[in-house]
C-alpha cells in the first residue's frame, strides 16, 4: 500500500509539472511572436508616431529633415 501511495503521488506531481511546462511554452511562443511583430513593424510605428513631431521640431529650428 505504501508503494502505491508513492507512485500515485509521483503521478500528480508530474501532471502539475507538465501543465507548468505547457503554460511556459505558450508564454514563450507569445513573447517570440510579439518580438517578431514589434521588430517588423517598429520603424513604421515610430515614423507614424514621431514623424510629425520631428518635422515640427526641424521646422522650428530651421533645419528641415529630408522626409518632411
Protein backbone atom coordinates (compact mmCIF):
# COMPACT_ATOMS: atom_id res chain seq x y z
CA UNK A 1 0.00 0.00 0.00
CA UNK A 2 2.82 2.41 0.83
CA UNK A 3 4.44 1.86 -2.56
CA UNK A 4 1.17 2.54 -4.39
CA UNK A 5 0.77 5.80 -2.45
CA UNK A 6 4.24 6.91 -3.51
CA UNK A 7 3.53 6.04 -7.15
CA UNK A 8 0.19 7.89 -7.05
CA UNK A 9 1.82 10.96 -5.58
CA UNK A 10 4.55 11.00 -8.23
CA UNK A 11 1.87 10.93 -10.93
CA UNK A 12 0.17 14.02 -9.51
CA UNK A 13 3.46 15.91 -9.34
CA UNK A 14 4.30 15.01 -12.93
CA UNK A 15 0.92 16.24 -14.16
CA UNK A 16 1.39 19.57 -12.40
CA UNK A 17 4.88 19.85 -13.85
CA UNK A 18 3.54 19.03 -17.30
CA UNK A 19 0.93 21.79 -17.04
CA UNK A 20 3.58 24.27 -15.94
CA UNK A 21 5.79 23.33 -18.89
CA UNK A 22 2.88 23.69 -21.31
CA UNK A 23 1.99 27.16 -20.00
CA UNK A 24 5.65 28.16 -20.16
CA UNK A 25 5.89 27.05 -23.78
CA UNK A 26 2.77 29.02 -24.67
CA UNK A 27 4.19 32.09 -22.94
CA UNK A 28 7.48 31.74 -24.81
CA UNK A 29 5.59 31.43 -28.10
CA UNK A 30 3.58 34.59 -27.38
CA UNK A 31 6.75 36.52 -26.50
CA UNK A 32 8.53 35.36 -29.66
CA UNK A 33 5.57 36.40 -31.82
CA UNK A 34 5.33 39.79 -30.07
CA UNK A 35 9.04 40.46 -30.55
CA UNK A 36 8.81 39.48 -34.22
CA UNK A 37 5.82 41.76 -34.82
CA UNK A 38 7.40 44.68 -32.98
CA UNK A 39 10.67 44.31 -34.84
CA UNK A 40 8.88 44.09 -38.19
CA UNK A 41 6.52 46.98 -37.53
CA UNK A 42 8.72 49.05 -35.22
CA UNK A 43 10.06 51.51 -37.77
CA UNK A 44 6.61 52.05 -39.29
CA UNK A 45 5.06 52.74 -35.91
CA UNK A 46 7.94 55.01 -34.93
CA UNK A 47 7.59 57.04 -38.13
CA UNK A 48 3.82 57.30 -37.72
CA UNK A 49 4.02 58.43 -34.09
CA UNK A 50 7.10 60.63 -34.09
CA UNK A 51 7.39 61.76 -37.71
CA UNK A 52 5.17 64.81 -37.26
CA UNK A 53 6.94 65.80 -34.06
CA UNK A 54 10.37 65.52 -35.70
CA UNK A 55 9.24 67.60 -38.69
CA UNK A 56 7.78 70.27 -36.42
CA UNK A 57 10.98 70.47 -34.40
CA UNK A 58 13.06 70.62 -37.58
CA UNK A 59 10.89 73.43 -38.95
CA UNK A 60 11.20 75.35 -35.70
CA UNK A 61 14.98 75.02 -35.67
CA UNK A 62 15.32 75.95 -39.32
CA UNK A 63 16.99 72.66 -40.24
CA UNK A 64 14.44 70.70 -42.31
CA UNK A 65 14.61 66.95 -42.40
CA UNK A 66 14.78 65.31 -45.83
CA UNK A 67 11.49 63.43 -45.27
CA UNK A 68 9.43 66.47 -44.21
